[in-house]
């Protein structure tokens, strides 16, 4: 999960750098096109983050679209949404394991 977080942070840093560079361009149609392209790429990245998180089995928060992957902050017991702060306290109970502890016990 740390790799996924690092990947998302790297993508955000790249978009921030692109926005800064666009800010240096003079106003006009080329600047408008560059801003639109960065916004479209950010939206695509957000959808890709949600899809990847879903495929990895992470919880998603539907506080906005696309959904936000919920992360487990250091020392936290439950996943939390970094956008709205919602905590997912649902825990799937697993059957006991070991001799005599199966689902029919």
PDB file of N, CA and C in Angstrom:
ATOM      1  N   UNK A   1       0.810  -1.191   0.000  1.00  0.00           N
ATOM      2  CA  UNK A   1       0.000   0.000   0.000  1.00  0.00           C
ATOM      3  C   UNK A   1       0.865   1.271   0.000  1.00  0.00           C
ATOM      4  N   UNK A   2       2.055   1.163   0.573  1.00  0.00           N
ATOM      5  CA  UNK A   2       2.948   2.323   0.572  1.00  0.00           C
ATOM      6  C   UNK A   2       3.359   2.685  -0.846  1.00  0.00           C
ATOM      7  N   UNK A   3       3.514   1.659  -1.714  1.00  0.00           N
ATOM      8  CA  UNK A   3       3.865   1.919  -3.102  1.00  0.00           C
ATOM      9  C   UNK A   3       2.747   2.663  -3.814  1.00  0.00           C
ATOM     10  N   UNK A   4       1.497   2.277  -3.519  1.00  0.00           N
ATOM     11  CA  UNK A   4       0.350   2.954  -4.121  1.00  0.00           C
ATOM     12  C   UNK A   4       0.290   4.402  -3.666  1.00  0.00           C
ATOM     13  N   UNK A   5       0.525   4.629  -2.393  1.00  0.00           N
ATOM     14  CA  UNK A   5       0.516   5.993  -1.858  1.00  0.00           C
ATOM     15  C   UNK A   5       1.633   6.821  -2.503  1.00  0.00           C
ATOM     16  N   UNK A   6       2.823   6.237  -2.643  1.00  0.00           N
ATOM     17  CA  UNK A   6       3.947   6.948  -3.261  1.00  0.00           C
ATOM     18  C   UNK A   6       3.639   7.269  -4.723  1.00  0.00           C
ATOM     19  N   UNK A   7       2.993   6.343  -5.415  1.00  0.00           N
ATOM     20  CA  UNK A   7       2.623   6.554  -6.812  1.00  0.00           C
ATOM     21  C   UNK A   7       1.640   7.716  -6.923  1.00  0.00           C
ATOM     22  N   UNK A   8       0.632   7.748  -6.051  1.00  0.00           N
ATOM     23  CA  UNK A   8      -0.364   8.820  -6.075  1.00  0.00           C
ATOM     24  C   UNK A   8       0.279  10.167  -5.732  1.00  0.00           C
ATOM     25  N   UNK A   9       1.185  10.171  -4.761  1.00  0.00           N
ATOM     26  CA  UNK A   9       1.860  11.420  -4.385  1.00  0.00           C
ATOM     27  C   UNK A   9       2.765  11.923  -5.515  1.00  0.00           C
ATOM     28  N   UNK A  10       3.412  11.003  -6.219  1.00  0.00           N
ATOM     29  CA  UNK A  10       4.263  11.394  -7.344  1.00  0.00           C
ATOM     30  C   UNK A  10       3.424  11.991  -8.470  1.00  0.00           C
ATOM     31  N   UNK A  11       2.268  11.392  -8.726  1.00  0.00           N
ATOM     32  CA  UNK A  11       1.380  11.925  -9.762  1.00  0.00           C
ATOM     33  C   UNK A  11       0.896  13.319  -9.380  1.00  0.00           C
ATOM     34  N   UNK A  12       0.545  13.516  -8.114  1.00  0.00           N
ATOM     35  CA  UNK A  12       0.091  14.832  -7.654  1.00  0.00           C
ATOM     36  C   UNK A  12       1.207  15.862  -7.802  1.00  0.00           C
ATOM     37  N   UNK A  13       2.421  15.489  -7.452  1.00  0.00           N
ATOM     38  CA  UNK A  13       3.553  16.409  -7.580  1.00  0.00           C
ATOM     39  C   UNK A  13       3.777  16.786  -9.045  1.00  0.00           C
ATOM     40  N   UNK A  14       3.598  15.830  -9.929  1.00  0.00           N
ATOM     41  CA  UNK A  14       3.770  16.094 -11.356  1.00  0.00           C
ATOM     42  C   UNK A  14       2.702  17.071 -11.841  1.00  0.00           C
ATOM     43  N   UNK A  15       1.462  16.884 -11.413  1.00  0.00           N
ATOM     44  CA  UNK A  15       0.393  17.801 -11.816  1.00  0.00           C
ATOM     45  C   UNK A  15       0.617  19.198 -11.232  1.00  0.00           C
ATOM     46  N   UNK A  16       1.088  19.266  -9.998  1.00  0.00           N
ATOM     47  CA  UNK A  16       1.382  20.569  -9.393  1.00  0.00           C
ATOM     48  C   UNK A  16       2.479  21.301 -10.168  1.00  0.00           C
ATOM     49  N   UNK A  17       3.504  20.557 -10.594  1.00  0.00           N
ATOM     50  CA  UNK A  17       4.589  21.160 -11.377  1.00  0.00           C
ATOM     51  C   UNK A  17       4.072  21.648 -12.730  1.00  0.00           C
ATOM     52  N   UNK A  18       3.195  20.861 -13.346  1.00  0.00           N
ATOM     53  CA  UNK A  18       2.636  21.268 -14.635  1.00  0.00           C
ATOM     54  C   UNK A  18       1.792  22.535 -14.485  1.00  0.00           C
ATOM     55  N   UNK A  19       1.014  22.620 -13.408  1.00  0.00           N
ATOM     56  CA  UNK A  19       0.201  23.815 -13.167  1.00  0.00           C
ATOM     57  C   UNK A  19       1.088  25.040 -12.954  1.00  0.00           C
ATOM     58  N   UNK A  20       2.185  24.860 -12.246  1.00  0.00           N
ATOM     59  CA  UNK A  20       3.115  25.970 -12.028  1.00  0.00           C
ATOM     60  C   UNK A  20       3.716  26.438 -13.349  1.00  0.00           C
ATOM     61  N   UNK A  21       4.081  25.501 -14.193  1.00  0.00           N
ATOM     62  CA  UNK A  21       4.660  25.854 -15.492  1.00  0.00           C
ATOM     63  C   UNK A  21       3.630  26.558 -16.364  1.00  0.00           C
ATOM     64  N   UNK A  22       2.386  26.102 -16.314  1.00  0.00           N
ATOM     65  CA  UNK A  22       1.334  26.740 -17.105  1.00  0.00           C
ATOM     66  C   UNK A  22       1.119  28.177 -16.636  1.00  0.00           C
ATOM     67  N   UNK A  23       1.273  28.396 -15.334  1.00  0.00           N
ATOM     68  CA  UNK A  23       1.116  29.744 -14.795  1.00  0.00           C
ATOM     69  C   UNK A  23       2.112  30.734 -15.368  1.00  0.00           C
ATOM     70  N   UNK A  24       3.206  30.254 -15.897  1.00  0.00           N
ATOM     71  CA  UNK A  24       4.224  31.123 -16.490  1.00  0.00           C
ATOM     72  C   UNK A  24       3.898  31.503 -17.938  1.00  0.00           C
ATOM     73  N   UNK A  25       2.956  30.785 -18.545  1.00  0.00           N
ATOM     74  CA  UNK A  25       2.594  31.071 -19.935  1.00  0.00           C
ATOM     75  C   UNK A  25       1.748  32.338 -20.017  1.00  0.00           C
ATOM     76  N   UNK A  26       1.870  33.070 -21.111  1.00  0.00           N
ATOM     77  CA  UNK A  26       1.005  34.243 -21.284  1.00  0.00           C
ATOM     78  C   UNK A  26      -0.438  33.804 -21.548  1.00  0.00           C
ATOM     79  N   UNK A  27      -1.380  34.641 -21.147  1.00  0.00           N
ATOM     80  CA  UNK A  27      -2.797  34.328 -21.372  1.00  0.00           C
ATOM     81  C   UNK A  27      -3.054  34.173 -22.862  1.00  0.00           C
ATOM     82  N   UNK A  28      -3.953  33.261 -23.170  1.00  0.00           N
ATOM     83  CA  UNK A  28      -4.289  33.045 -24.572  1.00  0.00           C
ATOM     84  C   UNK A  28      -4.806  31.637 -24.787  1.00  0.00           C
ATOM     85  N   UNK A  29      -5.074  31.303 -26.031  1.00  0.00           N
ATOM     86  CA  UNK A  29      -5.654  29.991 -26.328  1.00  0.00           C
ATOM     87  C   UNK A  29      -4.725  28.820 -26.003  1.00  0.00           C
ATOM     88  N   UNK A  30      -3.421  29.005 -26.152  1.00  0.00           N
ATOM     89  CA  UNK A  30      -2.489  27.907 -25.850  1.00  0.00           C
ATOM     90  C   UNK A  30      -2.471  27.621 -24.342  1.00  0.00           C
ATOM     91  N   UNK A  31      -2.500  28.680 -23.544  1.00  0.00           N
ATOM     92  CA  UNK A  31      -2.535  28.496 -22.087  1.00  0.00           C
ATOM     93  C   UNK A  31      -3.843  27.830 -21.676  1.00  0.00           C
ATOM     94  N   UNK A  32      -4.960  28.263 -22.269  1.00  0.00           N
ATOM     95  CA  UNK A  32      -6.259  27.662 -21.962  1.00  0.00           C
ATOM     96  C   UNK A  32      -6.269  26.175 -22.317  1.00  0.00           C
ATOM     97  N   UNK A  33      -5.693  25.835 -23.460  1.00  0.00           N
ATOM     98  CA  UNK A  33      -5.635  24.432 -23.884  1.00  0.00           C
ATOM     99  C   UNK A  33      -4.768  23.612 -22.934  1.00  0.00           C
ATOM    100  N   UNK A  34      -3.656  24.185 -22.490  1.00  0.00           N
ATOM    101  CA  UNK A  34      -2.774  23.480 -21.554  1.00  0.00           C
ATOM    102  C   UNK A  34      -3.468  23.260 -20.214  1.00  0.00           C
ATOM    103  N   UNK A  35      -4.184  24.279 -19.724  1.00  0.00           N
ATOM    104  CA  UNK A  35      -4.917  24.137 -18.462  1.00  0.00           C
ATOM    105  C   UNK A  35      -5.990  23.057 -18.573  1.00  0.00           C
ATOM    106  N   UNK A  36      -6.701  23.033 -19.685  1.00  0.00           N
ATOM    107  CA  UNK A  36      -7.744  22.025 -19.903  1.00  0.00           C
ATOM    108  C   UNK A  36      -7.136  20.625 -19.959  1.00  0.00           C
ATOM    109  N   UNK A  37      -5.995  20.498 -20.611  1.00  0.00           N
ATOM    110  CA  UNK A  37      -5.341  19.190 -20.713  1.00  0.00           C
ATOM    111  C   UNK A  37      -4.898  18.687 -19.341  1.00  0.00           C
ATOM    112  N   UNK A  38      -4.379  19.570 -18.505  1.00  0.00           N
ATOM    113  CA  UNK A  38      -3.945  19.161 -17.166  1.00  0.00           C
ATOM    114  C   UNK A  38      -5.155  18.764 -16.319  1.00  0.00           C
ATOM    115  N   UNK A  39      -6.240  19.518 -16.403  1.00  0.00           N
ATOM    116  CA  UNK A  39      -7.450  19.174 -15.647  1.00  0.00           C
ATOM    117  C   UNK A  39      -8.008  17.821 -16.082  1.00  0.00           C
ATOM    118  N   UNK A  40      -7.999  17.567 -17.385  1.00  0.00           N
ATOM    119  CA  UNK A  40      -8.477  16.286 -17.902  1.00  0.00           C
ATOM    120  C   UNK A  40      -7.570  15.144 -17.437  1.00  0.00           C
ATOM    121  N   UNK A  41      -6.271  15.368 -17.448  1.00  0.00           N
ATOM    122  CA  UNK A  41      -5.326  14.340 -16.995  1.00  0.00           C
ATOM    123  C   UNK A  41      -5.489  14.071 -15.497  1.00  0.00           C
ATOM    124  N   UNK A  42      -5.735  15.126 -14.708  1.00  0.00           N
ATOM    125  CA  UNK A  42      -5.962  14.934 -13.267  1.00  0.00           C
ATOM    126  C   UNK A  42      -7.210  14.101 -13.012  1.00  0.00           C
ATOM    127  N   UNK A  43      -8.267  14.353 -13.779  1.00  0.00           N
ATOM    128  CA  UNK A  43      -9.499  13.591 -13.620  1.00  0.00           C
ATOM    129  C   UNK A  43      -9.272  12.119 -13.993  1.00  0.00           C
ATOM    130  N   UNK A  44      -8.536  11.890 -15.056  1.00  0.00           N
ATOM    131  CA  UNK A  44      -8.226  10.514 -15.460  1.00  0.00           C
ATOM    132  C   UNK A  44      -7.379   9.815 -14.397  1.00  0.00           C
ATOM    133  N   UNK A  45      -6.438  10.539 -13.808  1.00  0.00           N
ATOM    134  CA  UNK A  45      -5.594   9.973 -12.749  1.00  0.00           C
ATOM    135  C   UNK A  45      -6.438   9.607 -11.525  1.00  0.00           C
ATOM    136  N   UNK A  46      -7.390  10.457 -11.158  1.00  0.00           N
ATOM    137  CA  UNK A  46      -8.256  10.182 -10.015  1.00  0.00           C
ATOM    138  C   UNK A  46      -9.100   8.929 -10.267  1.00  0.00           C
ATOM    139  N   UNK A  47      -9.611   8.776 -11.493  1.00  0.00           N
ATOM    140  CA  UNK A  47     -10.386   7.570 -11.824  1.00  0.00           C
ATOM    141  C   UNK A  47      -9.496   6.334 -11.782  1.00  0.00           C
ATOM    142  N   UNK A  48      -8.265   6.456 -12.268  1.00  0.00           N
ATOM    143  CA  UNK A  48      -7.328   5.330 -12.246  1.00  0.00           C
ATOM    144  C   UNK A  48      -6.966   4.955 -10.808  1.00  0.00           C
ATOM    145  N   UNK A  49      -6.780   5.953  -9.946  1.00  0.00           N
ATOM    146  CA  UNK A  49      -6.487   5.671  -8.531  1.00  0.00           C
ATOM    147  C   UNK A  49      -7.619   4.888  -7.889  1.00  0.00           C
ATOM    148  N   UNK A  50      -8.851   5.301  -8.148  1.00  0.00           N
ATOM    149  CA  UNK A  50     -10.013   4.619  -7.564  1.00  0.00           C
ATOM    150  C   UNK A  50     -10.118   3.187  -8.081  1.00  0.00           C
ATOM    151  N   UNK A  51      -9.918   3.010  -9.374  1.00  0.00           N
ATOM    152  CA  UNK A  51     -10.005   1.673  -9.962  1.00  0.00           C
ATOM    153  C   UNK A  51      -8.906   0.760  -9.424  1.00  0.00           C
ATOM    154  N   UNK A  52      -7.700   1.268  -9.343  1.00  0.00           N
ATOM    155  CA  UNK A  52      -6.593   0.481  -8.814  1.00  0.00           C
ATOM    156  C   UNK A  52      -6.838   0.108  -7.356  1.00  0.00           C
ATOM    157  N   UNK A  53      -7.285   1.061  -6.561  1.00  0.00           N
ATOM    158  CA  UNK A  53      -7.565   0.794  -5.152  1.00  0.00           C
ATOM    159  C   UNK A  53      -8.659  -0.262  -5.007  1.00  0.00           C
ATOM    160  N   UNK A  54      -9.681  -0.176  -5.848  1.00  0.00           N
ATOM    161  CA  UNK A  54     -10.762  -1.164  -5.802  1.00  0.00           C
ATOM    162  C   UNK A  54     -10.237  -2.556  -6.137  1.00  0.00           C
ATOM    163  N   UNK A  55      -9.397  -2.655  -7.166  1.00  0.00           N
ATOM    164  CA  UNK A  55      -8.838  -3.954  -7.556  1.00  0.00           C
ATOM    165  C   UNK A  55      -7.911  -4.517  -6.484  1.00  0.00           C
ATOM    166  N   UNK A  56      -7.308  -3.644  -5.697  1.00  0.00           N
ATOM    167  CA  UNK A  56      -6.437  -4.089  -4.605  1.00  0.00           C
ATOM    168  C   UNK A  56      -7.220  -4.414  -3.335  1.00  0.00           C
ATOM    169  N   UNK A  57      -8.543  -4.233  -3.378  1.00  0.00           N
ATOM    170  CA  UNK A  57      -9.376  -4.569  -2.228  1.00  0.00           C
ATOM    171  C   UNK A  57      -9.492  -3.474  -1.186  1.00  0.00           C
ATOM    172  N   UNK A  58      -9.074  -2.263  -1.520  1.00  0.00           N
ATOM    173  CA  UNK A  58      -9.180  -1.162  -0.566  1.00  0.00           C
ATOM    174  C   UNK A  58     -10.619  -0.655  -0.516  1.00  0.00           C
ATOM    175  N   UNK A  59     -10.986  -0.083   0.610  1.00  0.00           N
ATOM    176  CA  UNK A  59     -12.294   0.540   0.762  1.00  0.00           C
ATOM    177  C   UNK A  59     -12.300   1.859   0.003  1.00  0.00           C
ATOM    178  N   UNK A  60     -13.449   2.226  -0.555  1.00  0.00           N
ATOM    179  CA  UNK A  60     -13.604   3.487  -1.256  1.00  0.00           C
ATOM    180  C   UNK A  60     -14.676   4.318  -0.565  1.00  0.00           C
ATOM    181  N   UNK A  61     -14.460   5.615  -0.477  1.00  0.00           N
ATOM    182  CA  UNK A  61     -15.431   6.545   0.095  1.00  0.00           C
ATOM    183  C   UNK A  61     -16.128   7.246  -1.063  1.00  0.00           C
ATOM    184  N   UNK A  62     -17.446   7.341  -0.989  1.00  0.00           N
ATOM    185  CA  UNK A  62     -18.205   7.968  -2.073  1.00  0.00           C
ATOM    186  C   UNK A  62     -18.558   9.426  -1.775  1.00  0.00           C
ATOM    187  N   UNK A  63     -17.683  10.123  -1.035  1.00  0.00           N
ATOM    188  CA  UNK A  63     -17.939  11.530  -0.716  1.00  0.00           C
ATOM    189  C   UNK A  63     -17.808  12.423  -1.948  1.00  0.00           C
ATOM    190  N   UNK A  64     -17.157  11.938  -2.984  1.00  0.00           N
ATOM    191  CA  UNK A  64     -17.051  12.673  -4.244  1.00  0.00           C
ATOM    192  C   UNK A  64     -16.852  11.658  -5.361  1.00  0.00           C
ATOM    193  N   UNK A  65     -16.913  12.143  -6.596  1.00  0.00           N
ATOM    194  CA  UNK A  65     -16.672  11.278  -7.738  1.00  0.00           C
ATOM    195  C   UNK A  65     -15.426  11.766  -8.458  1.00  0.00           C
ATOM    196  N   UNK A  66     -14.547  10.880  -8.825  1.00  0.00           N
ATOM    197  CA  UNK A  66     -14.530   9.449  -8.556  1.00  0.00           C
ATOM    198  C   UNK A  66     -14.284   9.170  -7.076  1.00  0.00           C
ATOM    199  N   UNK A  67     -14.644   7.952  -6.631  1.00  0.00           N
ATOM    200  CA  UNK A  67     -14.480   7.622  -5.216  1.00  0.00           C
ATOM    201  C   UNK A  67     -13.046   7.784  -4.739  1.00  0.00           C
ATOM    202  N   UNK A  68     -12.907   8.048  -3.456  1.00  0.00           N
ATOM    203  CA  UNK A  68     -11.600   8.276  -2.844  1.00  0.00           C
ATOM    204  C   UNK A  68     -11.155   7.006  -2.127  1.00  0.00           C
ATOM    205  N   UNK A  69      -9.955   6.485  -2.413  1.00  0.00           N
ATOM    206  CA  UNK A  69      -9.465   5.328  -1.664  1.00  0.00           C
ATOM    207  C   UNK A  69      -9.271   5.698  -0.189  1.00  0.00           C
ATOM    208  N   UNK A  70      -9.802   4.850   0.691  1.00  0.00           N
ATOM    209  CA  UNK A  70      -9.650   5.073   2.128  1.00  0.00           C
ATOM    210  C   UNK A  70      -8.331   4.450   2.570  1.00  0.00           C
ATOM    211  N   UNK A  71      -7.590   5.172   3.377  1.00  0.00           N
ATOM    212  CA  UNK A  71      -6.305   4.685   3.862  1.00  0.00           C
ATOM    213  C   UNK A  71      -6.366   4.513   5.371  1.00  0.00           C
ATOM    214  N   UNK A  72      -5.448   3.762   5.888  1.00  0.00           N
ATOM    215  CA  UNK A  72      -5.384   3.560   7.334  1.00  0.00           C
ATOM    216  C   UNK A  72      -4.216   4.375   7.865  1.00  0.00           C
ATOM    217  N   UNK A  73      -4.517   5.518   8.504  1.00  0.00           N
ATOM    218  CA  UNK A  73      -3.443   6.351   9.047  1.00  0.00           C
ATOM    219  C   UNK A  73      -2.617   5.597  10.086  1.00  0.00           C
ATOM    220  N   UNK A  74      -1.414   6.046  10.295  1.00  0.00           N
ATOM    221  CA  UNK A  74      -0.499   5.426  11.252  1.00  0.00           C
ATOM    222  C   UNK A  74      -1.191   5.261  12.612  1.00  0.00           C
ATOM    223  N   UNK A  75      -1.251   4.041  13.104  1.00  0.00           N
ATOM    224  CA  UNK A  75      -1.819   3.762  14.415  1.00  0.00           C
ATOM    225  C   UNK A  75      -3.337   3.666  14.438  1.00  0.00           C
ATOM    226  N   UNK A  76      -4.005   3.893  13.311  1.00  0.00           N
ATOM    227  CA  UNK A  76      -5.468   3.830  13.272  1.00  0.00           C
ATOM    228  C   UNK A  76      -5.927   2.388  13.115  1.00  0.00           C
ATOM    229  N   UNK A  77      -7.098   2.112  13.672  1.00  0.00           N
ATOM    230  CA  UNK A  77      -7.638   0.758  13.596  1.00  0.00           C
ATOM    231  C   UNK A  77      -8.446   0.544  12.323  1.00  0.00           C
ATOM    232  N   UNK A  78      -9.081   1.614  11.816  1.00  0.00           N
ATOM    233  CA  UNK A  78      -9.974   1.494  10.671  1.00  0.00           C
ATOM    234  C   UNK A  78      -9.540   2.425   9.537  1.00  0.00           C
ATOM    235  N   UNK A  79      -9.906   2.061   8.289  1.00  0.00           N
ATOM    236  CA  UNK A  79      -9.608   2.937   7.151  1.00  0.00           C
ATOM    237  C   UNK A  79     -10.373   4.253   7.273  1.00  0.00           C
ATOM    238  N   UNK A  80      -9.734   5.341   6.837  1.00  0.00           N
ATOM    239  CA  UNK A  80     -10.307   6.679   6.921  1.00  0.00           C
ATOM    240  C   UNK A  80     -10.192   7.374   5.567  1.00  0.00           C
ATOM    241  N   UNK A  81     -11.209   8.155   5.215  1.00  0.00           N
ATOM    242  CA  UNK A  81     -11.182   8.909   3.968  1.00  0.00           C
ATOM    243  C   UNK A  81     -10.329  10.157   4.168  1.00  0.00           C
ATOM    244  N   UNK A  82      -9.314  10.356   3.329  1.00  0.00           N
ATOM    245  CA  UNK A  82      -8.477  11.548   3.476  1.00  0.00           C
ATOM    246  C   UNK A  82      -9.194  12.836   3.068  1.00  0.00           C
ATOM    247  N   UNK A  83     -10.306  12.735   2.338  1.00  0.00           N
ATOM    248  CA  UNK A  83     -11.042  13.920   1.886  1.00  0.00           C
ATOM    249  C   UNK A  83     -12.038  14.410   2.934  1.00  0.00           C
ATOM    250  N   UNK A  84     -12.936  13.509   3.387  1.00  0.00           N
ATOM    251  CA  UNK A  84     -14.024  13.937   4.281  1.00  0.00           C
ATOM    252  C   UNK A  84     -13.830  13.471   5.726  1.00  0.00           C
ATOM    253  N   UNK A  85     -12.886  12.560   5.973  1.00  0.00           N
ATOM    254  CA  UNK A  85     -12.623  12.088   7.324  1.00  0.00           C
ATOM    255  C   UNK A  85     -13.509  10.941   7.778  1.00  0.00           C
ATOM    256  N   UNK A  86     -14.386  10.430   6.909  1.00  0.00           N
ATOM    257  CA  UNK A  86     -15.263   9.309   7.268  1.00  0.00           C
ATOM    258  C   UNK A  86     -14.417   8.093   7.635  1.00  0.00           C
ATOM    259  N   UNK A  87     -14.840   7.409   8.698  1.00  0.00           N
ATOM    260  CA  UNK A  87     -14.135   6.219   9.163  1.00  0.00           C
ATOM    261  C   UNK A  87     -15.001   5.007   8.866  1.00  0.00           C
ATOM    262  N   UNK A  88     -14.420   3.997   8.232  1.00  0.00           N
ATOM    263  CA  UNK A  88     -15.153   2.781   7.907  1.00  0.00           C
ATOM    264  C   UNK A  88     -14.935   1.776   9.028  1.00  0.00           C
ATOM    265  N   UNK A  89     -15.935   1.624   9.883  1.00  0.00           N
ATOM    266  CA  UNK A  89     -15.801   0.727  11.035  1.00  0.00           C
ATOM    267  C   UNK A  89     -16.349  -0.658  10.755  1.00  0.00           C
ATOM    268  N   UNK A  90     -16.790  -0.918   9.519  1.00  0.00           N
ATOM    269  CA  UNK A  90     -17.305  -2.242   9.189  1.00  0.00           C
ATOM    270  C   UNK A  90     -16.152  -3.225   9.139  1.00  0.00           C
ATOM    271  N   UNK A  91     -16.311  -4.295   9.868  1.00  0.00           N
ATOM    272  CA  UNK A  91     -15.298  -5.352   9.864  1.00  0.00           C
ATOM    273  C   UNK A  91     -15.939  -6.651   9.430  1.00  0.00           C
ATOM    274  N   UNK A  92     -15.370  -7.260   8.444  1.00  0.00           N
ATOM    275  CA  UNK A  92     -15.852  -8.555   7.993  1.00  0.00           C
ATOM    276  C   UNK A  92     -15.339  -9.605   8.969  1.00  0.00           C
ATOM    277  N   UNK A  93     -16.248 -10.343   9.557  1.00  0.00           N
ATOM    278  CA  UNK A  93     -15.835 -11.369  10.512  1.00  0.00           C
ATOM    279  C   UNK A  93     -15.414 -12.621   9.756  1.00  0.00           C
ATOM    280  N   UNK A  94     -14.241 -13.088  10.068  1.00  0.00           N
ATOM    281  CA  UNK A  94     -13.724 -14.304   9.453  1.00  0.00           C
ATOM    282  C   UNK A  94     -13.993 -15.472  10.381  1.00  0.00           C
ATOM    283  N   UNK A  95     -14.264 -16.651   9.818  1.00  0.00           N
ATOM    284  CA  UNK A  95     -14.508 -17.810  10.674  1.00  0.00           C
ATOM    285  C   UNK A  95     -13.225 -18.191  11.426  1.00  0.00           C
ATOM    286  N   UNK A  96     -13.376 -18.762  12.607  1.00  0.00           N
ATOM    287  CA  UNK A  96     -12.197 -19.213  13.358  1.00  0.00           C
ATOM    288  C   UNK A  96     -11.410 -20.241  12.549  1.00  0.00           C
ATOM    289  N   UNK A  97     -10.126 -20.248  12.682  1.00  0.00           N
ATOM    290  CA  UNK A  97      -9.276 -21.185  11.954  1.00  0.00           C
ATOM    291  C   UNK A  97      -8.716 -22.227  12.924  1.00  0.00           C
ATOM    292  N   UNK A  98      -8.231 -23.297  12.353  1.00  0.00           N
ATOM    293  CA  UNK A  98      -7.589 -24.319  13.175  1.00  0.00           C
ATOM    294  C   UNK A  98      -8.501 -25.503  13.428  1.00  0.00           C
ATOM    295  N   UNK A  99      -7.997 -26.519  14.158  1.00  0.00           N
ATOM    296  CA  UNK A  99      -8.781 -27.719  14.425  1.00  0.00           C
ATOM    297  C   UNK A  99     -10.036 -27.409  15.229  1.00  0.00           C
ATOM    298  N   UNK A 100     -11.165 -27.867  14.726  1.00  0.00           N
ATOM    299  CA  UNK A 100     -12.421 -27.689  15.438  1.00  0.00           C
ATOM    300  C   UNK A 100     -12.945 -26.272  15.390  1.00  0.00           C
ATOM    301  N   UNK A 101     -12.322 -25.406  14.644  1.00  0.00           N
ATOM    302  CA  UNK A 101     -12.753 -24.007  14.611  1.00  0.00           C
ATOM    303  C   UNK A 101     -13.291 -23.585  13.262  1.00  0.00           C
ATOM    304  N   UNK A 102     -13.670 -24.532  12.419  1.00  0.00           N
ATOM    305  CA  UNK A 102     -14.177 -24.195  11.097  1.00  0.00           C
ATOM    306  C   UNK A 102     -15.567 -23.617  11.183  1.00  0.00           C
ATOM    307  N   UNK A 103     -16.165 -23.363  10.041  1.00  0.00           N
ATOM    308  CA  UNK A 103     -17.462 -22.717   9.999  1.00  0.00           C
ATOM    309  C   UNK A 103     -18.570 -23.623  10.497  1.00  0.00           C
ATOM    310  N   UNK A 104     -18.339 -24.951  10.553  1.00  0.00           N
ATOM    311  CA  UNK A 104     -19.385 -25.862  11.029  1.00  0.00           C
ATOM    312  C   UNK A 104     -19.263 -26.150  12.515  1.00  0.00           C
ATOM    313  N   UNK A 105     -18.255 -25.582  13.180  1.00  0.00           N
ATOM    314  CA  UNK A 105     -18.047 -25.883  14.601  1.00  0.00           C
ATOM    315  C   UNK A 105     -19.133 -25.259  15.463  1.00  0.00           C
TER     316      UNK A 105
END
